[in-house]
Amino acid sequence: MKNAKQMKFWSNIFFLIPLIISTYYGLYWYSILISMVIIMSCLFHFYNEHKIIYYFDVLFSSTIMLSNFILLFRGHWMAPYSIMAILFALTALFFYFRQSEYGYNLDHGLWHIFSSGVSTFCIITFLKFTHII
């Protein structure tokens, strides 16, 4: 149960924001994908970062990154939301690459939080351009 108390585990709750938005506005393909990201990441961190789960975690997180780019392109990089997505992505990458040097648990948790912000702003970019919201 110790793993469930670590930030790298519970920070996945922030991915519920893009999950709720994408489900509410009918981006069901994205909702399914983000659900898989949440499940795989939670399993990965709960089970002491087991190697087999790692591959699924990387697969789904890479797919969500590609999907975010697709949403930005289809949203024609509509400002200010696309700018926010880029700023959140740069911040997330900072914590991702810093995690081995300073504190894996905290930095990886911050990576999750800022990555969920990227997903949120990519969804909003797409929805604003298509006049859904």
Foldseek 3Di string as FASTA:
>chain_A
DVLCPFLQQVLLVLLVLLLVVCVVLPVVVLNVLSVQLNVLSNVCSVVVNDPVSVVSNVVSVVVLVVVLVVLCVLLVVDPDLNVLLVVLQVQLVVLVVCLVPPPVRVSSSSNSNSNSSNSNSSNVSNCVSVVSD
